[in-house]
Amino acid sequence: TGFDSDNSSGDFSEANHKGPEMLDLEPHQSNRTEKHNGETEIQENGIKRHRTSLPAPMFSRSDFSVWSILKKCIGLELSKITMPIVFNEPLSFLQRITEYMEHIYLINKACSHTDPLERMQAVAAFAVSAVASQWERTGKPFNPLLGETYELTREDLGFRFISEQVSHHPPISAFYSEGLNKDFIFHGSIYPKLKFWGKSIEAEPRGTITLELLKHNEAYTWTNPTCCVHNVIIGKLWLEQYGVVEIVNHSTGDKCVLNFKPCGLFGKELHRVEGYIQDKHRKKLCVIYGKWTECLWCTDPTTYETYKKSEKRGSEPKKKSNEEDVKSENDEADDMPEVQDTVQFIPGSKLLWRINCRPPNSSQMYNFTSFAVSLNELEKGMEAILAPTDCRLRPDIRNMENGNMDVASREKERLEEKQRAARKERAKDEVEWHTRWFHQGTNPYTGTPDWLYSGGYFDRNFSDCPDIY
């Protein structure tokens, strides 16, 4: 979720370090979008074609050590640590939030179902799919500047999205999305609480996420699982999600409980998700199982229990040799567990969701999905209609995307210094910061504090937006 802060000294800079060698993309993997008369290419079906590659491949991180930075900051709040830009990916955290919308077809599916159980199944799949893009994404997004915004309108996918960084300490990002057919509203706020455990960094994404299906007059709320990046000192970085996610249908009383399992001692449970849907009388209606990195299935509880019992009867646990035990104890959770098996299919199950294939050159593009690759695309004429606070106009992210790491680092330091100076000026004049598109309120379904969309963004009156870049 990001560690940069306007309180930090920023004493490390790529401006004083020669950049590592860049990887070469194949000619057919060029980022340039074909144009006709200066406009983005339009496919035969009338849908605009988005770019499929970044302008420059990612830099190698092999010459840098996260531990060399973190060891100086033991005991400090992680939100006040400046990390070198080489550990970033060229997206703001506001853009990373937008990746929730990659599998929006699941919301559309939920809207189309007449059965409330099928709607809950689709919503549960959407909640799991929202974290799927983080798989192998060990680069951290840029911390949004206070007042930074991001908008995305996808007519081909049927939604528009707006987000704003409403607080810097603590860092809080608020977002609001609606269907272009007025069939759903998706909104929430995220306050990532960071913890450094020595070998790993844990991000607990506090904040409520709400999905309203307007046609059915239903509202669902949940909170994302905890995300943890391992091997920050030595070894290959790897990521896992764990914790219990409860999705509540506030109209029917139905609840879906999803257990994102920690990998365990030998990595047997890595990426696994298991759970169930129950009605308001706590009767189990179906069981959900799968992996958040792969797919999600559902089946009825009786079938699931029968299968599990037969599985226990039919297989004895494999006894490990002493050598295997020693190796496992040494590896434990320090190395990436090598789990080769995929989800074990239970006959009669229904597929709820399957992850999208990533582009063939994804490893050279920060392990971005095709959807993520398009998020920072700045098309011709777009700058004239965007809010001046939009992430696409942020110079450090833009330069990093273009492979200009030294310039990106200097721009990042300049923006942080500008943010510090603005905060000092407000403190001097005793002026409070006012958010532009969101306001503090109470979630109407959970009764907990939340940030709510004030409306008016798409009227495009940006005259009073702050100068943050």
Protein backbone atom coordinates (compact mmCIF):
# COMPACT_ATOMS: atom_id res chain seq x y z
CA THR A 1 0.00 0.00 0.00
CA GLY A 2 3.01 2.30 0.11
CA PHE A 3 5.43 3.66 2.68
CA ASP A 4 6.33 7.14 1.41
CA SER A 5 5.61 10.13 3.60
CA ASP A 6 5.84 13.88 3.52
CA ASN A 7 7.52 13.64 6.94
CA SER A 8 10.52 11.68 5.70
CA SER A 9 13.89 13.06 4.78
CA GLY A 10 14.07 11.40 1.38
CA ASP A 11 17.83 10.95 1.70
CA PHE A 12 17.93 8.09 -0.83
CA SER A 13 17.59 9.04 -4.47
CA GLU A 14 18.08 7.26 -7.76
CA ALA A 15 19.35 10.61 -8.99
CA ASN A 16 22.61 9.65 -7.27
CA HIS A 17 22.58 6.09 -8.52
CA LYS A 18 23.10 4.81 -12.02
CA GLY A 19 20.08 2.87 -13.18
CA PRO A 20 20.40 -0.87 -13.77
CA GLU A 21 20.19 -2.22 -17.26
CA MET A 22 16.78 -2.16 -18.82
CA LEU A 23 15.17 -5.23 -20.31
CA ASP A 24 14.37 -5.11 -24.00
CA LEU A 25 10.85 -5.70 -25.19
CA GLU A 26 10.26 -7.60 -28.38
CA PRO A 27 9.28 -5.39 -31.34
CA HIS A 28 5.77 -6.80 -31.35
CA GLN A 29 5.38 -5.83 -27.71
CA SER A 30 5.66 -2.10 -28.40
CA ASN A 31 3.45 0.07 -26.25
CA ARG A 32 2.35 2.39 -29.04
CA THR A 33 -1.35 2.33 -29.73
CA GLU A 34 -2.10 2.57 -33.42
CA LYS A 35 -3.81 5.80 -34.38
CA HIS A 36 -5.99 6.93 -37.25
CA ASN A 37 -5.95 10.70 -37.84
CA GLY A 38 -4.50 11.26 -34.39
CA GLU A 39 -7.21 9.34 -32.57
CA THR A 40 -7.05 6.08 -30.64
CA GLU A 41 -7.74 3.12 -32.88
CA ILE A 42 -11.36 2.00 -32.94
CA GLN A 43 -12.14 -1.67 -33.39
CA GLU A 44 -14.83 -2.91 -35.73
CA ASN A 45 -17.27 -3.35 -32.85
CA GLY A 46 -16.89 0.33 -31.94
CA ILE A 47 -14.95 -0.36 -28.74
CA LYS A 48 -11.84 1.71 -28.17
CA ARG A 49 -8.65 -0.33 -28.12
CA HIS A 50 -6.51 0.28 -25.03
CA ARG A 51 -2.77 -0.10 -24.95
CA THR A 52 -1.33 -3.54 -24.29
CA SER A 53 2.14 -2.58 -23.08
CA LEU A 54 3.94 0.08 -21.05
CA PRO A 55 6.25 2.61 -22.72
CA ALA A 56 9.30 1.07 -21.01
CA PRO A 57 9.96 -2.23 -19.22
CA MET A 58 10.57 -2.29 -15.48
CA PHE A 59 14.03 -1.86 -14.01
CA SER A 60 15.75 -4.73 -12.26
CA ARG A 61 15.49 -4.53 -8.48
CA SER A 62 18.36 -6.95 -7.92
CA ASP A 63 20.82 -4.15 -7.07
CA PHE A 64 18.65 -2.84 -4.23
CA SER A 65 17.77 -4.19 -0.80
CA VAL A 66 14.58 -3.30 1.03
CA TRP A 67 16.32 -4.25 4.27
CA SER A 68 19.02 -1.60 3.71
CA ILE A 69 16.24 0.96 4.06
CA LEU A 70 14.08 -0.71 6.71
CA LYS A 71 16.91 -1.49 9.14
CA LYS A 72 17.34 2.26 9.70
CA CYS A 73 13.67 2.61 10.56
CA ILE A 74 13.01 -0.09 13.14
CA GLY A 75 10.49 1.20 15.64
CA LEU A 76 9.17 3.91 13.31
CA GLU A 77 5.74 4.08 11.78
CA LEU A 78 5.93 2.54 8.30
CA SER A 79 3.83 5.33 6.84
CA LYS A 80 6.73 7.68 7.66
CA ILE A 81 9.42 5.75 5.79
CA THR A 82 10.60 6.83 2.35
CA MET A 83 11.35 3.90 0.08
CA PRO A 84 13.49 4.26 -3.05
CA ILE A 85 11.41 4.62 -6.17
CA VAL A 86 12.87 1.43 -7.65
CA PHE A 87 10.56 -0.54 -5.34
CA ASN A 88 7.49 1.22 -6.75
CA GLU A 89 5.29 0.34 -9.68
CA PRO A 90 4.16 3.19 -11.99
CA LEU A 91 0.66 3.48 -10.55
CA SER A 92 -0.84 5.46 -7.69
CA PHE A 93 -2.66 3.59 -4.94
CA LEU A 94 -5.83 5.26 -6.26
CA GLN A 95 -5.27 3.47 -9.56
CA ARG A 96 -4.59 0.20 -7.74
CA ILE A 97 -8.01 0.55 -6.06
CA THR A 98 -9.57 0.95 -9.50
CA GLU A 99 -8.44 -2.59 -10.30
CA TYR A 100 -11.38 -3.77 -8.21
CA MET A 101 -13.38 -3.12 -11.39
CA GLU A 102 -11.43 -5.53 -13.60
CA HIS A 103 -14.03 -8.28 -13.14
CA ILE A 104 -17.06 -6.01 -13.26
CA TYR A 105 -18.93 -8.65 -15.26
CA LEU A 106 -19.54 -10.32 -11.89
CA ILE A 107 -21.50 -7.27 -10.71
CA ASN A 108 -23.46 -7.35 -13.95
CA LYS A 109 -24.15 -11.03 -13.36
CA ALA A 110 -25.35 -10.31 -9.82
CA CYS A 111 -27.70 -7.62 -11.18
CA SER A 112 -29.18 -10.08 -13.69
CA HIS A 113 -29.94 -12.92 -11.26
CA THR A 114 -33.44 -13.23 -9.78
CA ASP A 115 -32.35 -15.68 -7.07
CA PRO A 116 -30.77 -13.94 -4.01
CA LEU A 117 -28.45 -16.92 -3.46
CA GLU A 118 -27.04 -16.59 -6.97
CA ARG A 119 -26.62 -12.86 -6.42
CA MET A 120 -24.62 -13.49 -3.25
CA GLN A 121 -22.46 -16.04 -5.09
CA ALA A 122 -21.65 -13.47 -7.78
CA VAL A 123 -20.89 -10.79 -5.16
CA ALA A 124 -18.63 -13.21 -3.27
CA ALA A 125 -16.76 -13.97 -6.49
CA PHE A 126 -16.40 -10.23 -7.13
CA ALA A 127 -14.98 -9.68 -3.63
CA VAL A 128 -12.36 -12.39 -4.24
CA SER A 129 -11.56 -11.18 -7.75
CA ALA A 130 -10.90 -7.67 -6.37
CA VAL A 131 -7.67 -8.86 -4.74
CA ALA A 132 -6.63 -11.25 -7.53
CA SER A 133 -4.68 -8.59 -9.45
CA GLN A 134 -2.26 -8.36 -6.50
CA TRP A 135 -0.89 -11.82 -7.27
CA GLU A 136 2.91 -11.47 -7.80
CA ARG A 137 2.58 -7.66 -7.58
CA THR A 138 5.43 -7.07 -5.11
CA GLY A 139 6.08 -3.53 -6.33
CA LYS A 140 4.32 -0.92 -4.21
CA PRO A 141 2.06 1.75 -5.72
CA PHE A 142 2.87 5.41 -5.15
CA ASN A 143 1.32 6.96 -2.07
CA PRO A 144 -1.32 9.42 -3.31
CA LEU A 145 -0.75 13.07 -2.50
CA LEU A 146 -3.41 14.77 -0.40
CA GLY A 147 -6.13 15.88 -2.82
CA GLU A 148 -4.96 13.57 -5.61
CA THR A 149 -7.76 12.07 -7.71
CA TYR A 150 -8.29 9.41 -10.35
CA GLU A 151 -11.21 8.93 -12.70
CA LEU A 152 -11.95 6.14 -15.13
CA THR A 153 -14.87 5.82 -17.50
CA ARG A 154 -15.18 2.55 -19.43
CA GLU A 155 -18.19 2.60 -21.69
CA ASP A 156 -17.25 -0.85 -22.98
CA LEU A 157 -17.47 -2.25 -19.44
CA GLY A 158 -20.40 -0.07 -18.38
CA PHE A 159 -19.06 1.92 -15.42
CA ARG A 160 -17.38 5.12 -14.31
CA PHE A 161 -15.14 5.51 -11.28
CA ILE A 162 -13.79 8.40 -9.19
CA SER A 163 -11.42 8.33 -6.20
CA GLU A 164 -9.74 10.95 -4.01
CA GLN A 165 -7.03 10.91 -1.36
CA VAL A 166 -9.01 12.45 1.48
CA SER A 167 -6.40 12.18 4.25
CA HIS A 168 -2.63 11.91 4.37
CA HIS A 169 -2.08 11.06 8.05
CA PRO A 170 -3.61 8.57 8.35
CA PRO A 171 -3.61 7.75 4.61
CA ILE A 172 -7.24 7.28 3.52
CA SER A 173 -8.44 6.74 -0.05
CA ALA A 174 -12.14 7.11 -0.88
CA PHE A 175 -13.77 5.83 -4.06
CA TYR A 176 -17.15 5.79 -5.78
CA SER A 177 -18.27 3.93 -8.89
CA GLU A 178 -21.60 3.61 -10.64
CA GLY A 179 -23.00 1.62 -13.52
CA LEU A 180 -23.64 3.63 -16.67
CA ASN A 181 -27.02 1.88 -16.81
CA LYS A 182 -27.79 3.02 -13.25
CA ASP A 183 -27.88 -0.60 -12.09
CA PHE A 184 -25.29 -0.51 -9.28
CA ILE A 185 -23.26 1.73 -6.97
CA PHE A 186 -19.91 0.58 -5.58
CA HIS A 187 -18.15 2.73 -2.99
CA GLY A 188 -15.91 2.72 0.05
CA SER A 189 -12.79 4.00 1.76
CA ILE A 190 -9.53 2.22 2.52
CA TYR A 191 -7.16 2.99 5.39
CA PRO A 192 -4.21 0.57 5.10
CA LYS A 193 -2.65 -0.14 8.49
CA LEU A 194 0.97 -1.24 7.98
CA LYS A 195 3.06 -3.44 10.26
CA PHE A 196 6.69 -4.50 9.87
CA TRP A 197 7.40 -7.92 11.38
CA GLY A 198 11.12 -8.11 10.57
CA LYS A 199 10.87 -10.58 7.69
CA SER A 200 7.54 -9.42 6.31
CA ILE A 201 5.35 -6.37 5.86
CA GLU A 202 1.65 -6.73 6.64
CA ALA A 203 -1.04 -4.41 5.31
CA GLU A 204 -4.42 -4.56 7.00
CA PRO A 205 -6.90 -2.77 4.68
CA ARG A 206 -9.25 -1.13 7.16
CA GLY A 207 -12.37 0.46 5.76
CA THR A 208 -15.78 -0.67 4.56
CA ILE A 209 -16.58 -1.64 0.98
CA THR A 210 -20.21 -1.33 -0.12
CA LEU A 211 -21.98 -2.65 -3.21
CA GLU A 212 -25.57 -1.61 -3.90
CA LEU A 213 -27.66 -3.47 -6.49
CA LEU A 214 -30.26 -0.84 -7.26
CA LYS A 215 -32.69 -3.03 -9.21
CA HIS A 216 -32.98 -5.46 -6.28
CA ASN A 217 -32.78 -2.79 -3.57
CA GLU A 218 -29.92 -4.72 -1.95
CA ALA A 219 -26.72 -3.59 -0.27
CA TYR A 220 -23.67 -5.74 0.51
CA THR A 221 -20.73 -4.72 2.73
CA TRP A 222 -17.36 -6.32 3.47
CA THR A 223 -13.71 -5.61 4.30
CA ASN A 224 -10.78 -6.99 2.29
CA PRO A 225 -8.39 -9.62 3.73
CA THR A 226 -4.95 -8.79 5.10
CA CYS A 227 -2.12 -8.65 2.56
CA CYS A 228 1.42 -9.69 3.52
CA VAL A 229 4.69 -9.39 1.57
CA HIS A 230 7.32 -11.91 2.67
CA ASN A 231 11.13 -11.99 2.37
CA VAL A 232 11.69 -8.24 2.57
CA ILE A 233 15.19 -8.88 3.99
CA ILE A 234 16.51 -11.66 1.78
CA GLY A 235 15.12 -14.07 -0.78
CA LYS A 236 12.40 -13.78 -3.38
CA LEU A 237 9.51 -11.50 -2.46
CA TRP A 238 6.17 -13.25 -2.40
CA LEU A 239 2.69 -12.25 -1.36
CA GLU A 240 -0.23 -13.86 0.41
CA GLN A 241 -3.72 -12.84 1.51
CA TYR A 242 -5.24 -14.13 4.72
CA GLY A 243 -8.06 -13.46 7.14
CA VAL A 244 -11.83 -13.88 7.29
CA VAL A 245 -14.00 -11.77 4.99
CA GLU A 246 -17.70 -11.47 5.87
CA ILE A 247 -20.06 -10.26 3.15
CA VAL A 248 -23.43 -9.22 4.52
CA ASN A 249 -26.60 -8.74 2.48
CA HIS A 250 -28.33 -6.07 4.57
CA SER A 251 -31.66 -6.60 2.79
CA THR A 252 -32.10 -10.37 3.22
CA GLY A 253 -29.83 -11.07 6.20
CA ASP A 254 -27.82 -13.59 4.14
CA LYS A 255 -24.11 -13.73 4.90
CA CYS A 256 -21.09 -15.12 3.08
CA VAL A 257 -18.07 -16.03 5.21
CA LEU A 258 -14.82 -16.48 3.28
CA ASN A 259 -11.64 -17.73 4.93
CA PHE A 260 -8.49 -16.67 3.09
CA LYS A 261 -6.14 -19.26 4.54
CA PRO A 262 -2.55 -18.47 5.56
CA CYS A 263 -0.03 -20.66 3.73
CA GLY A 264 0.86 -22.66 6.83
CA LEU A 265 4.15 -24.33 7.74
CA PHE A 266 4.62 -26.23 4.49
CA GLY A 267 2.66 -23.95 2.16
CA LYS A 268 -0.16 -26.47 1.75
CA GLU A 269 -2.90 -23.85 2.15
CA LEU A 270 -1.22 -21.12 0.10
CA HIS A 271 -3.78 -18.92 -1.73
CA ARG A 272 -6.70 -21.14 -0.70
CA VAL A 273 -10.13 -19.69 -0.03
CA GLU A 274 -12.93 -21.66 1.64
CA GLY A 275 -16.25 -20.49 2.95
CA TYR A 276 -20.00 -20.72 2.85
CA ILE A 277 -23.20 -18.76 2.37
CA GLN A 278 -25.84 -18.87 5.10
CA ASP A 279 -29.31 -17.39 5.39
CA LYS A 280 -30.53 -15.18 8.23
CA HIS A 281 -31.38 -18.33 10.24
CA ARG A 282 -27.72 -19.48 9.89
CA LYS A 283 -28.61 -22.36 7.61
CA LYS A 284 -25.79 -23.12 5.19
CA LEU A 285 -27.00 -22.71 1.62
CA CYS A 286 -23.80 -23.50 -0.26
CA VAL A 287 -20.05 -23.96 0.17
CA ILE A 288 -17.47 -21.91 -1.75
CA TYR A 289 -13.89 -23.05 -2.38
CA GLY A 290 -10.95 -22.22 -4.62
CA LYS A 291 -7.89 -19.97 -4.78
CA TRP A 292 -7.83 -16.20 -5.02
CA THR A 293 -5.03 -16.55 -7.58
CA GLU A 294 -6.94 -18.95 -9.80
CA CYS A 295 -10.66 -19.63 -9.58
CA LEU A 296 -13.69 -20.00 -7.31
CA TRP A 297 -16.30 -22.80 -7.24
CA CYS A 298 -19.45 -23.47 -5.24
CA THR A 299 -21.38 -26.61 -4.36
CA ASP A 300 -24.09 -27.64 -1.92
CA PRO A 301 -23.00 -28.39 1.68
CA THR A 302 -23.98 -32.09 1.58
CA THR A 303 -21.89 -32.78 -1.53
CA TYR A 304 -18.97 -30.92 -0.02
CA GLU A 305 -19.05 -32.82 3.28
CA THR A 306 -19.44 -36.18 1.52
CA TYR A 307 -16.45 -35.42 -0.70
CA LYS A 308 -14.29 -34.34 2.24
CA LYS A 309 -15.14 -37.51 4.19
CA SER A 310 -14.34 -39.77 1.24
CA GLU A 311 -11.10 -37.86 0.69
CA LYS A 312 -10.02 -38.51 4.29
CA ARG A 313 -10.89 -42.20 4.06
CA GLY A 314 -9.17 -42.69 0.73
CA SER A 315 -5.76 -41.16 1.47
CA GLU A 316 -3.25 -41.54 4.27
CA PRO A 317 -0.95 -38.59 5.09
CA LYS A 318 2.47 -39.04 3.54
CA LYS A 319 5.22 -39.61 6.06
CA LYS A 320 8.21 -37.35 5.49
CA SER A 321 11.78 -38.53 5.89
CA ASN A 322 14.07 -36.84 8.37
CA GLU A 323 15.81 -35.03 5.53
CA GLU A 324 12.48 -33.67 4.32
CA ASP A 325 11.59 -32.52 7.83
CA VAL A 326 14.88 -30.66 8.20
CA LYS A 327 14.49 -28.98 4.81
CA SER A 328 10.94 -27.92 5.61
CA GLU A 329 11.95 -26.51 8.99
CA ASN A 330 14.77 -24.53 7.41
CA ASP A 331 12.63 -23.20 4.57
CA GLU A 332 9.53 -22.65 6.69
CA ALA A 333 7.96 -19.37 5.54
CA ASP A 334 11.24 -17.74 4.50
CA ASP A 335 11.17 -19.00 0.91
CA MET A 336 8.31 -18.99 -1.51
CA PRO A 337 6.39 -22.25 -0.93
CA GLU A 338 6.34 -24.27 -4.12
CA VAL A 339 2.77 -25.45 -4.38
CA GLN A 340 2.20 -27.11 -7.73
CA ASP A 341 -1.34 -28.40 -7.34
CA THR A 342 -4.35 -26.45 -8.57
CA VAL A 343 -7.82 -26.39 -7.07
CA GLN A 344 -9.21 -29.87 -6.48
CA PHE A 345 -12.53 -29.94 -8.33
CA ILE A 346 -15.51 -31.44 -6.52
CA PRO A 347 -17.93 -33.11 -8.98
CA GLY A 348 -21.15 -31.16 -9.37
CA SER A 349 -19.57 -27.79 -8.51
CA LYS A 350 -20.43 -24.57 -10.34
CA LEU A 351 -17.70 -22.21 -11.52
CA LEU A 352 -18.18 -18.71 -10.10
CA TRP A 353 -15.05 -16.96 -11.36
CA ARG A 354 -11.72 -17.61 -13.09
CA ILE A 355 -8.78 -15.22 -13.18
CA ASN A 356 -7.94 -13.49 -16.45
CA CYS A 357 -4.76 -14.48 -18.27
CA ARG A 358 -2.04 -11.86 -18.03
CA PRO A 359 -0.24 -10.44 -21.06
CA PRO A 360 2.75 -12.51 -22.24
CA ASN A 361 5.15 -9.68 -21.30
CA SER A 362 3.57 -9.10 -17.88
CA SER A 363 6.77 -10.00 -15.99
CA GLN A 364 8.52 -7.07 -17.71
CA MET A 365 5.63 -4.77 -16.76
CA TYR A 366 5.54 -5.13 -12.96
CA ASN A 367 3.28 -8.21 -13.36
CA PHE A 368 0.42 -5.96 -14.46
CA THR A 369 -2.82 -7.38 -15.79
CA SER A 370 -4.11 -6.09 -19.14
CA PHE A 371 -6.54 -3.90 -17.21
CA ALA A 372 -3.74 -2.41 -15.06
CA VAL A 373 -1.61 -1.65 -18.13
CA SER A 374 -4.32 0.68 -19.43
CA LEU A 375 -4.89 2.64 -16.19
CA ASN A 376 -2.20 5.31 -16.62
CA GLU A 377 -2.71 5.73 -20.35
CA LEU A 378 -2.95 9.42 -21.25
CA GLU A 379 -4.71 9.68 -24.59
CA LYS A 380 -4.71 12.67 -26.88
CA GLY A 381 -7.15 15.35 -25.70
CA MET A 382 -7.66 13.71 -22.31
CA GLU A 383 -5.55 16.25 -20.42
CA ALA A 384 -7.99 19.02 -21.35
CA ILE A 385 -10.92 17.32 -19.58
CA LEU A 386 -9.21 15.66 -16.61
CA ALA A 387 -9.11 17.24 -13.17
CA PRO A 388 -5.65 18.83 -12.66
CA THR A 389 -5.23 16.48 -9.68
CA ASP A 390 -5.62 13.27 -11.73
CA CYS A 391 -2.93 10.59 -11.28
CA ARG A 392 -2.24 10.51 -15.02
CA LEU A 393 -0.81 14.03 -14.75
CA ARG A 394 1.51 13.18 -11.87
CA PRO A 395 5.08 13.68 -13.18
CA ASP A 396 6.96 11.14 -11.03
CA ILE A 397 4.65 8.28 -12.03
CA ARG A 398 4.70 9.38 -15.68
CA ASN A 399 8.49 9.51 -15.78
CA MET A 400 8.83 6.13 -14.10
CA GLU A 401 6.42 4.62 -16.61
CA ASN A 402 8.58 6.05 -19.40
CA GLY A 403 11.75 4.59 -17.86
CA ASN A 404 13.21 7.92 -16.66
CA MET A 405 14.02 6.73 -13.16
CA ASP A 406 16.34 9.60 -12.14
CA VAL A 407 13.81 12.22 -13.24
CA ALA A 408 11.01 10.29 -11.55
CA SER A 409 12.96 10.21 -8.26
CA ARG A 410 13.65 13.94 -8.37
CA GLU A 411 10.01 14.68 -9.20
CA LYS A 412 8.84 12.48 -6.33
CA GLU A 413 11.05 14.39 -3.89
CA ARG A 414 9.84 17.71 -5.30
CA LEU A 415 6.17 16.73 -4.90
CA GLU A 416 6.72 15.54 -1.33
CA GLU A 417 8.51 18.76 -0.45
CA LYS A 418 5.70 20.78 -2.03
CA GLN A 419 3.18 18.81 0.04
CA ARG A 420 5.17 19.45 3.24
CA ALA A 421 5.39 23.17 2.48
CA ALA A 422 1.65 23.39 1.78
CA ARG A 423 0.85 21.66 5.06
CA LYS A 424 3.12 24.02 7.01
CA GLU A 425 1.46 27.00 5.33
CA ARG A 426 -2.00 25.74 6.30
CA ALA A 427 -0.83 25.19 9.89
CA LYS A 428 0.65 28.69 9.99
CA ASP A 429 -2.60 30.27 8.77
CA GLU A 430 -4.71 27.84 10.84
CA VAL A 431 -6.53 26.70 7.71
CA GLU A 432 -8.04 23.21 7.61
CA TRP A 433 -7.80 21.00 4.54
CA HIS A 434 -11.13 20.51 2.77
CA THR A 435 -11.77 17.50 0.58
CA ARG A 436 -13.30 18.20 -2.82
CA TRP A 437 -15.42 15.23 -3.86
CA PHE A 438 -15.99 13.22 -0.66
CA HIS A 439 -17.12 14.03 2.87
CA GLN A 440 -16.99 12.26 6.20
CA GLY A 441 -20.20 10.54 7.21
CA THR A 442 -21.70 7.28 8.39
CA ASN A 443 -22.15 4.19 6.29
CA PRO A 444 -25.95 3.84 6.03
CA TYR A 445 -25.80 0.02 6.32
CA THR A 446 -23.10 -0.65 8.94
CA GLY A 447 -23.43 2.54 10.99
CA THR A 448 -19.62 2.87 11.01
CA PRO A 449 -17.65 6.00 10.00
CA ASP A 450 -17.13 6.21 6.25
CA TRP A 451 -16.26 8.61 3.45
CA LEU A 452 -19.21 9.29 1.15
CA TYR A 453 -19.26 10.71 -2.37
CA SER A 454 -20.50 14.31 -2.45
CA GLY A 455 -21.35 14.20 -6.16
CA GLY A 456 -20.66 16.66 -8.93
CA TYR A 457 -17.30 15.39 -10.18
CA PHE A 458 -18.52 14.59 -13.68
CA ASP A 459 -19.93 18.12 -14.04
CA ARG A 460 -16.23 18.91 -14.58
CA ASN A 461 -16.05 22.14 -12.64
CA PHE A 462 -12.40 21.92 -11.58
CA SER A 463 -11.80 25.62 -10.91
CA ASP A 464 -11.21 25.15 -7.18
CA CYS A 465 -8.99 22.06 -7.35
CA PRO A 466 -5.71 22.35 -5.41
CA ASP A 467 -2.35 22.73 -7.17
CA ILE A 468 -0.56 19.58 -5.98
CA TYR A 469 1.76 18.85 -8.92
